[in-house]
Amino acid sequence: MAMTGELPQLVCACVGGGSNALGLFQGFLNDREVALLGAEAGGMDDGSDRHAARLAEARGKLGVAHGYRSYFLSNADGQMNDTYSIAAGLDYIGVSPILAHLHDQGRVAFTSASDRDTIEATRLLMEHEGIIPALESAHGLAAAIDEARRRPETDRILINLSGRGDKDIFSIAGVFESRSWQDYLKQQVVQHGR
């Protein structure tokens, strides 16, 4: 409101367990004109089970784990499946029961961002803004970029960039396959004795 004088049309955040998204969404729950979009880990996006998308593709099943009832990636016997994400913080079998409830009510929509789209969103943010996002948050950024293509250019989109990308710097260097960046990082590690 301080920057634009108006509410955003869309608010995006990554969703693992749900704390990141709920921290942002709770401020807009009563503003029905603001769309809320949670981005889960779409993983490999190759039709395999190498992902952590519970609500986005309706892959999650109602169940109970860790003392709460929600949507989980589980088999027919209720046993939890393996999950996968390029971002360790999104690699979780379940989702917050509060987010599950908001999903069931239709208040929060869910999508997934693949590793490939997340890496591209990371590259774009680094290139254009000089910010290295945490890979978790970059899932929300990737979803916002995808959603922005379908919206008017005048729409205001708020994206939650929580965490720091420095913890992911070696993972990011590996996927970008930039030899100069990898060499620079190795040089810095040697130079600083880490």
C-alpha atoms as a PDB file:
ATOM      1  CA  MET A   1       0.000   0.000   0.000  1.00  0.00           C
ATOM      2  CA  ALA A   2       2.850   2.396   0.795  1.00  0.00           C
ATOM      3  CA  MET A   3       4.451   1.816  -2.608  1.00  0.00           C
ATOM      4  CA  THR A   4       1.403   1.751  -4.874  1.00  0.00           C
ATOM      5  CA  GLY A   5      -1.569   3.000  -2.853  1.00  0.00           C
ATOM      6  CA  GLU A   6      -3.474  -0.101  -3.915  1.00  0.00           C
ATOM      7  CA  LEU A   7      -3.654  -3.778  -3.113  1.00  0.00           C
ATOM      8  CA  PRO A   8      -1.941  -6.226  -5.472  1.00  0.00           C
ATOM      9  CA  GLN A   9      -4.063  -8.266  -7.822  1.00  0.00           C
ATOM     10  CA  LEU A  10      -1.972 -11.377  -7.127  1.00  0.00           C
ATOM     11  CA  VAL A  11       0.127 -12.592  -4.201  1.00  0.00           C
ATOM     12  CA  CYS A  12       2.517 -15.529  -4.769  1.00  0.00           C
ATOM     13  CA  ALA A  13       4.588 -17.617  -2.395  1.00  0.00           C
ATOM     14  CA  CYS A  14       6.265 -21.002  -2.384  1.00  0.00           C
ATOM     15  CA  VAL A  15       4.630 -23.838  -0.462  1.00  0.00           C
ATOM     16  CA  GLY A  16       6.433 -26.637   1.305  1.00  0.00           C
ATOM     17  CA  GLY A  17       4.862 -27.182   4.695  1.00  0.00           C
ATOM     18  CA  GLY A  18       3.194 -23.804   4.361  1.00  0.00           C
ATOM     19  CA  SER A  19       4.749 -21.309   6.799  1.00  0.00           C
ATOM     20  CA  ASN A  20       6.226 -19.117   4.049  1.00  0.00           C
ATOM     21  CA  ALA A  21       2.940 -18.815   2.189  1.00  0.00           C
ATOM     22  CA  LEU A  22       0.751 -18.404   5.256  1.00  0.00           C
ATOM     23  CA  GLY A  23       3.004 -15.666   6.589  1.00  0.00           C
ATOM     24  CA  LEU A  24       2.203 -13.643   3.480  1.00  0.00           C
ATOM     25  CA  PHE A  25      -1.329 -14.816   2.631  1.00  0.00           C
ATOM     26  CA  GLN A  26      -2.808 -14.136   6.075  1.00  0.00           C
ATOM     27  CA  GLY A  27      -2.610 -10.395   5.463  1.00  0.00           C
ATOM     28  CA  PHE A  28      -4.822 -10.722   2.367  1.00  0.00           C
ATOM     29  CA  LEU A  29      -7.326 -13.446   3.306  1.00  0.00           C
ATOM     30  CA  ASN A  30     -10.194 -10.976   3.732  1.00  0.00           C
ATOM     31  CA  ASP A  31      -9.337  -9.079   0.536  1.00  0.00           C
ATOM     32  CA  ARG A  32     -11.292 -11.208  -1.925  1.00  0.00           C
ATOM     33  CA  GLU A  33     -10.133  -9.119  -4.884  1.00  0.00           C
ATOM     34  CA  VAL A  34      -6.564 -10.314  -4.232  1.00  0.00           C
ATOM     35  CA  ALA A  35      -5.789 -13.715  -5.762  1.00  0.00           C
ATOM     36  CA  LEU A  36      -3.545 -15.952  -3.650  1.00  0.00           C
ATOM     37  CA  LEU A  37      -1.283 -18.443  -5.424  1.00  0.00           C
ATOM     38  CA  GLY A  38       0.852 -21.089  -3.763  1.00  0.00           C
ATOM     39  CA  ALA A  39       3.706 -22.641  -5.745  1.00  0.00           C
ATOM     40  CA  GLU A  40       4.640 -26.209  -4.906  1.00  0.00           C
ATOM     41  CA  ALA A  41       7.725 -28.085  -6.061  1.00  0.00           C
ATOM     42  CA  GLY A  42       6.965 -29.527  -9.499  1.00  0.00           C
ATOM     43  CA  GLY A  43      10.362 -31.216  -9.503  1.00  0.00           C
ATOM     44  CA  MET A  44      11.515 -32.965 -12.634  1.00  0.00           C
ATOM     45  CA  ASP A  45       8.262 -32.299 -14.541  1.00  0.00           C
ATOM     46  CA  ASP A  46       8.757 -35.535 -16.462  1.00  0.00           C
ATOM     47  CA  GLY A  47       5.640 -37.462 -15.453  1.00  0.00           C
ATOM     48  CA  SER A  48       7.517 -39.271 -12.695  1.00  0.00           C
ATOM     49  CA  ASP A  49       6.950 -39.080  -8.954  1.00  0.00           C
ATOM     50  CA  ARG A  50      10.012 -36.841  -8.563  1.00  0.00           C
ATOM     51  CA  HIS A  51       8.120 -33.824  -7.189  1.00  0.00           C
ATOM     52  CA  ALA A  52       6.462 -32.530  -4.034  1.00  0.00           C
ATOM     53  CA  ALA A  53       3.202 -31.178  -5.506  1.00  0.00           C
ATOM     54  CA  ARG A  54       0.293 -32.184  -3.287  1.00  0.00           C
ATOM     55  CA  LEU A  55      -2.441 -29.704  -4.165  1.00  0.00           C
ATOM     56  CA  ALA A  56      -1.382 -28.296  -7.540  1.00  0.00           C
ATOM     57  CA  GLU A  57      -2.188 -31.396  -9.557  1.00  0.00           C
ATOM     58  CA  ALA A  58      -4.544 -32.918  -6.964  1.00  0.00           C
ATOM     59  CA  ARG A  59      -1.968 -35.647  -6.313  1.00  0.00           C
ATOM     60  CA  GLY A  60      -2.231 -35.438  -2.551  1.00  0.00           C
ATOM     61  CA  LYS A  61      -4.589 -37.668  -0.621  1.00  0.00           C
ATOM     62  CA  LEU A  62      -6.258 -36.895   2.673  1.00  0.00           C
ATOM     63  CA  GLY A  63      -4.463 -38.577   5.509  1.00  0.00           C
ATOM     64  CA  VAL A  64      -2.957 -38.150   8.939  1.00  0.00           C
ATOM     65  CA  ALA A  65       0.764 -37.772   9.617  1.00  0.00           C
ATOM     66  CA  HIS A  66       2.814 -35.950  12.236  1.00  0.00           C
ATOM     67  CA  GLY A  67      -0.367 -35.489  14.256  1.00  0.00           C
ATOM     68  CA  TYR A  68      -2.435 -33.559  11.742  1.00  0.00           C
ATOM     69  CA  ARG A  69      -4.906 -34.257   8.955  1.00  0.00           C
ATOM     70  CA  SER A  70      -4.149 -32.792   5.563  1.00  0.00           C
ATOM     71  CA  TYR A  71      -3.160 -33.706   2.012  1.00  0.00           C
ATOM     72  CA  PHE A  72      -0.116 -35.948   1.697  1.00  0.00           C
ATOM     73  CA  LEU A  73       1.714 -37.727  -1.077  1.00  0.00           C
ATOM     74  CA  SER A  74       0.877 -41.274  -0.099  1.00  0.00           C
ATOM     75  CA  ASN A  75       0.094 -44.658  -1.600  1.00  0.00           C
ATOM     76  CA  ALA A  76      -3.195 -46.587  -1.482  1.00  0.00           C
ATOM     77  CA  ASP A  77      -2.267 -47.993   1.947  1.00  0.00           C
ATOM     78  CA  GLY A  78      -1.677 -44.517   3.373  1.00  0.00           C
ATOM     79  CA  GLN A  79       2.098 -44.931   3.482  1.00  0.00           C
ATOM     80  CA  MET A  80       4.008 -41.772   2.650  1.00  0.00           C
ATOM     81  CA  ASN A  81       5.718 -41.571  -0.735  1.00  0.00           C
ATOM     82  CA  ASP A  82       9.180 -40.246  -1.393  1.00  0.00           C
ATOM     83  CA  THR A  83       9.267 -36.635  -2.519  1.00  0.00           C
ATOM     84  CA  TYR A  84      11.734 -34.593  -4.494  1.00  0.00           C
ATOM     85  CA  SER A  85      12.600 -30.931  -4.991  1.00  0.00           C
ATOM     86  CA  ILE A  86      15.673 -29.004  -6.069  1.00  0.00           C
ATOM     87  CA  ALA A  87      14.924 -26.924  -2.949  1.00  0.00           C
ATOM     88  CA  ALA A  88      15.261 -28.937   0.240  1.00  0.00           C
ATOM     89  CA  GLY A  89      12.763 -26.711   2.059  1.00  0.00           C
ATOM     90  CA  LEU A  90       9.944 -27.731  -0.284  1.00  0.00           C
ATOM     91  CA  ASP A  91      10.690 -31.459  -0.221  1.00  0.00           C
ATOM     92  CA  TYR A  92       7.876 -32.396   2.154  1.00  0.00           C
ATOM     93  CA  ILE A  93       5.087 -34.974   1.935  1.00  0.00           C
ATOM     94  CA  GLY A  94       2.294 -32.852   3.379  1.00  0.00           C
ATOM     95  CA  VAL A  95       0.930 -29.357   3.457  1.00  0.00           C
ATOM     96  CA  SER A  96      -0.359 -27.192   6.289  1.00  0.00           C
ATOM     97  CA  PRO A  97      -3.935 -28.075   7.278  1.00  0.00           C
ATOM     98  CA  ILE A  98      -4.736 -24.357   7.150  1.00  0.00           C
ATOM     99  CA  LEU A  99      -3.584 -24.131   3.527  1.00  0.00           C
ATOM    100  CA  ALA A 100      -5.444 -27.367   2.748  1.00  0.00           C
ATOM    101  CA  HIS A 101      -8.603 -25.787   4.166  1.00  0.00           C
ATOM    102  CA  LEU A 102      -8.088 -22.585   2.175  1.00  0.00           C
ATOM    103  CA  HIS A 103      -7.536 -24.722  -0.929  1.00  0.00           C
ATOM    104  CA  ASP A 104     -10.760 -26.654  -0.303  1.00  0.00           C
ATOM    105  CA  GLN A 105     -12.625 -23.365   0.158  1.00  0.00           C
ATOM    106  CA  GLY A 106     -11.190 -22.062  -3.121  1.00  0.00           C
ATOM    107  CA  ARG A 107      -9.503 -19.101  -1.423  1.00  0.00           C
ATOM    108  CA  VAL A 108      -5.958 -20.145  -2.355  1.00  0.00           C
ATOM    109  CA  ALA A 109      -5.061 -21.588  -5.754  1.00  0.00           C
ATOM    110  CA  PHE A 110      -2.070 -23.867  -6.207  1.00  0.00           C
ATOM    111  CA  THR A 111       0.329 -24.487  -9.027  1.00  0.00           C
ATOM    112  CA  SER A 112       3.717 -26.112  -9.276  1.00  0.00           C
ATOM    113  CA  ALA A 113       7.014 -24.857 -10.615  1.00  0.00           C
ATOM    114  CA  SER A 114       9.427 -27.311 -12.174  1.00  0.00           C
ATOM    115  CA  ASP A 115      13.118 -27.347 -11.363  1.00  0.00           C
ATOM    116  CA  ARG A 116      13.774 -25.990 -14.861  1.00  0.00           C
ATOM    117  CA  ASP A 117      11.378 -23.041 -14.427  1.00  0.00           C
ATOM    118  CA  THR A 118      12.711 -22.355 -10.930  1.00  0.00           C
ATOM    119  CA  ILE A 119      16.289 -22.214 -12.194  1.00  0.00           C
ATOM    120  CA  GLU A 120      15.251 -19.873 -14.997  1.00  0.00           C
ATOM    121  CA  ALA A 121      13.431 -17.605 -12.518  1.00  0.00           C
ATOM    122  CA  THR A 122      16.561 -17.594 -10.345  1.00  0.00           C
ATOM    123  CA  ARG A 123      18.690 -16.626 -13.340  1.00  0.00           C
ATOM    124  CA  LEU A 124      16.321 -13.812 -14.317  1.00  0.00           C
ATOM    125  CA  LEU A 125      16.233 -12.340 -10.807  1.00  0.00           C
ATOM    126  CA  MET A 126      20.015 -12.484 -10.507  1.00  0.00           C
ATOM    127  CA  GLU A 127      20.514 -10.969 -13.939  1.00  0.00           C
ATOM    128  CA  HIS A 128      17.944  -8.163 -13.669  1.00  0.00           C
ATOM    129  CA  GLU A 129      17.900  -7.347  -9.945  1.00  0.00           C
ATOM    130  CA  GLY A 130      21.210  -8.654  -8.593  1.00  0.00           C
ATOM    131  CA  ILE A 131      19.350 -10.779  -6.024  1.00  0.00           C
ATOM    132  CA  ILE A 132      20.180 -14.433  -5.450  1.00  0.00           C
ATOM    133  CA  PRO A 133      16.908 -15.926  -4.151  1.00  0.00           C
ATOM    134  CA  ALA A 134      16.620 -19.029  -2.033  1.00  0.00           C
ATOM    135  CA  LEU A 135      15.604 -21.878  -4.330  1.00  0.00           C
ATOM    136  CA  GLU A 136      12.444 -22.342  -2.256  1.00  0.00           C
ATOM    137  CA  SER A 137      11.311 -18.766  -2.884  1.00  0.00           C
ATOM    138  CA  ALA A 138      12.301 -19.007  -6.543  1.00  0.00           C
ATOM    139  CA  HIS A 139       9.416 -21.476  -6.983  1.00  0.00           C
ATOM    140  CA  GLY A 140       7.007 -18.653  -6.089  1.00  0.00           C
ATOM    141  CA  LEU A 141       8.874 -16.351  -8.445  1.00  0.00           C
ATOM    142  CA  ALA A 142       8.599 -18.900 -11.285  1.00  0.00           C
ATOM    143  CA  ALA A 143       4.855 -19.260 -10.680  1.00  0.00           C
ATOM    144  CA  ALA A 144       4.430 -15.475 -10.673  1.00  0.00           C
ATOM    145  CA  ILE A 145       6.336 -15.127 -13.944  1.00  0.00           C
ATOM    146  CA  ASP A 146       4.140 -17.789 -15.525  1.00  0.00           C
ATOM    147  CA  GLU A 147       0.952 -16.198 -14.187  1.00  0.00           C
ATOM    148  CA  ALA A 148       2.053 -12.696 -15.269  1.00  0.00           C
ATOM    149  CA  ARG A 149       2.024 -13.840 -18.905  1.00  0.00           C
ATOM    150  CA  ARG A 150      -1.750 -14.277 -18.650  1.00  0.00           C
ATOM    151  CA  ARG A 151      -2.473 -11.005 -16.862  1.00  0.00           C
ATOM    152  CA  PRO A 152      -2.647  -7.371 -17.910  1.00  0.00           C
ATOM    153  CA  GLU A 153       0.698  -5.565 -17.714  1.00  0.00           C
ATOM    154  CA  THR A 154      -0.813  -3.147 -15.216  1.00  0.00           C
ATOM    155  CA  ASP A 155      -1.480  -5.862 -12.612  1.00  0.00           C
ATOM    156  CA  ARG A 156       0.515  -5.583  -9.408  1.00  0.00           C
ATOM    157  CA  ILE A 157       2.010  -8.915  -8.280  1.00  0.00           C
ATOM    158  CA  LEU A 158       3.519  -9.385  -4.842  1.00  0.00           C
ATOM    159  CA  ILE A 159       6.041 -12.228  -4.493  1.00  0.00           C
ATOM    160  CA  ASN A 160       7.421 -13.484  -1.197  1.00  0.00           C
ATOM    161  CA  LEU A 161      11.212 -13.761  -1.440  1.00  0.00           C
ATOM    162  CA  SER A 162      12.087 -15.200   1.931  1.00  0.00           C
ATOM    163  CA  GLY A 163      15.369 -16.780   2.876  1.00  0.00           C
ATOM    164  CA  ARG A 164      18.749 -16.219   1.301  1.00  0.00           C
ATOM    165  CA  GLY A 165      20.217 -17.673  -1.847  1.00  0.00           C
ATOM    166  CA  ASP A 166      23.760 -17.822  -0.557  1.00  0.00           C
ATOM    167  CA  LYS A 167      23.033 -21.194   1.047  1.00  0.00           C
ATOM    168  CA  ASP A 168      22.133 -22.517  -2.404  1.00  0.00           C
ATOM    169  CA  ILE A 169      25.025 -20.913  -4.263  1.00  0.00           C
ATOM    170  CA  PHE A 170      26.885 -24.145  -4.999  1.00  0.00           C
ATOM    171  CA  SER A 171      23.704 -25.921  -6.109  1.00  0.00           C
ATOM    172  CA  ILE A 172      22.876 -22.977  -8.350  1.00  0.00           C
ATOM    173  CA  ALA A 173      26.391 -22.935  -9.808  1.00  0.00           C
ATOM    174  CA  GLY A 174      26.093 -26.627 -10.624  1.00  0.00           C
ATOM    175  CA  VAL A 175      22.818 -26.314 -12.511  1.00  0.00           C
ATOM    176  CA  PHE A 176      23.843 -23.205 -14.440  1.00  0.00           C
ATOM    177  CA  GLU A 177      26.890 -25.067 -15.698  1.00  0.00           C
ATOM    178  CA  SER A 178      28.870 -21.836 -15.708  1.00  0.00           C
ATOM    179  CA  ARG A 179      32.522 -22.805 -15.569  1.00  0.00           C
ATOM    180  CA  SER A 180      33.668 -19.292 -14.672  1.00  0.00           C
ATOM    181  CA  TRP A 181      31.209 -19.097 -11.770  1.00  0.00           C
ATOM    182  CA  GLN A 182      32.167 -22.537 -10.478  1.00  0.00           C
ATOM    183  CA  ASP A 183      35.851 -21.609 -10.676  1.00  0.00           C
ATOM    184  CA  TYR A 184      35.186 -18.337  -8.855  1.00  0.00           C
ATOM    185  CA  LEU A 185      33.326 -20.112  -6.044  1.00  0.00           C
ATOM    186  CA  LYS A 186      36.092 -22.690  -5.658  1.00  0.00           C
ATOM    187  CA  GLN A 187      38.652 -19.880  -5.540  1.00  0.00           C
ATOM    188  CA  GLN A 188      36.672 -18.090  -2.813  1.00  0.00           C
ATOM    189  CA  VAL A 189      36.386 -21.252  -0.723  1.00  0.00           C
ATOM    190  CA  VAL A 190      40.141 -21.844  -0.941  1.00  0.00           C
ATOM    191  CA  GLN A 191      40.933 -18.185  -0.298  1.00  0.00           C
ATOM    192  CA  HIS A 192      38.726 -17.975   2.793  1.00  0.00           C
ATOM    193  CA  GLY A 193      39.664 -21.416   4.117  1.00  0.00           C
ATOM    194  CA  ARG A 194      36.179 -22.928   4.040  1.00  0.00           C
END
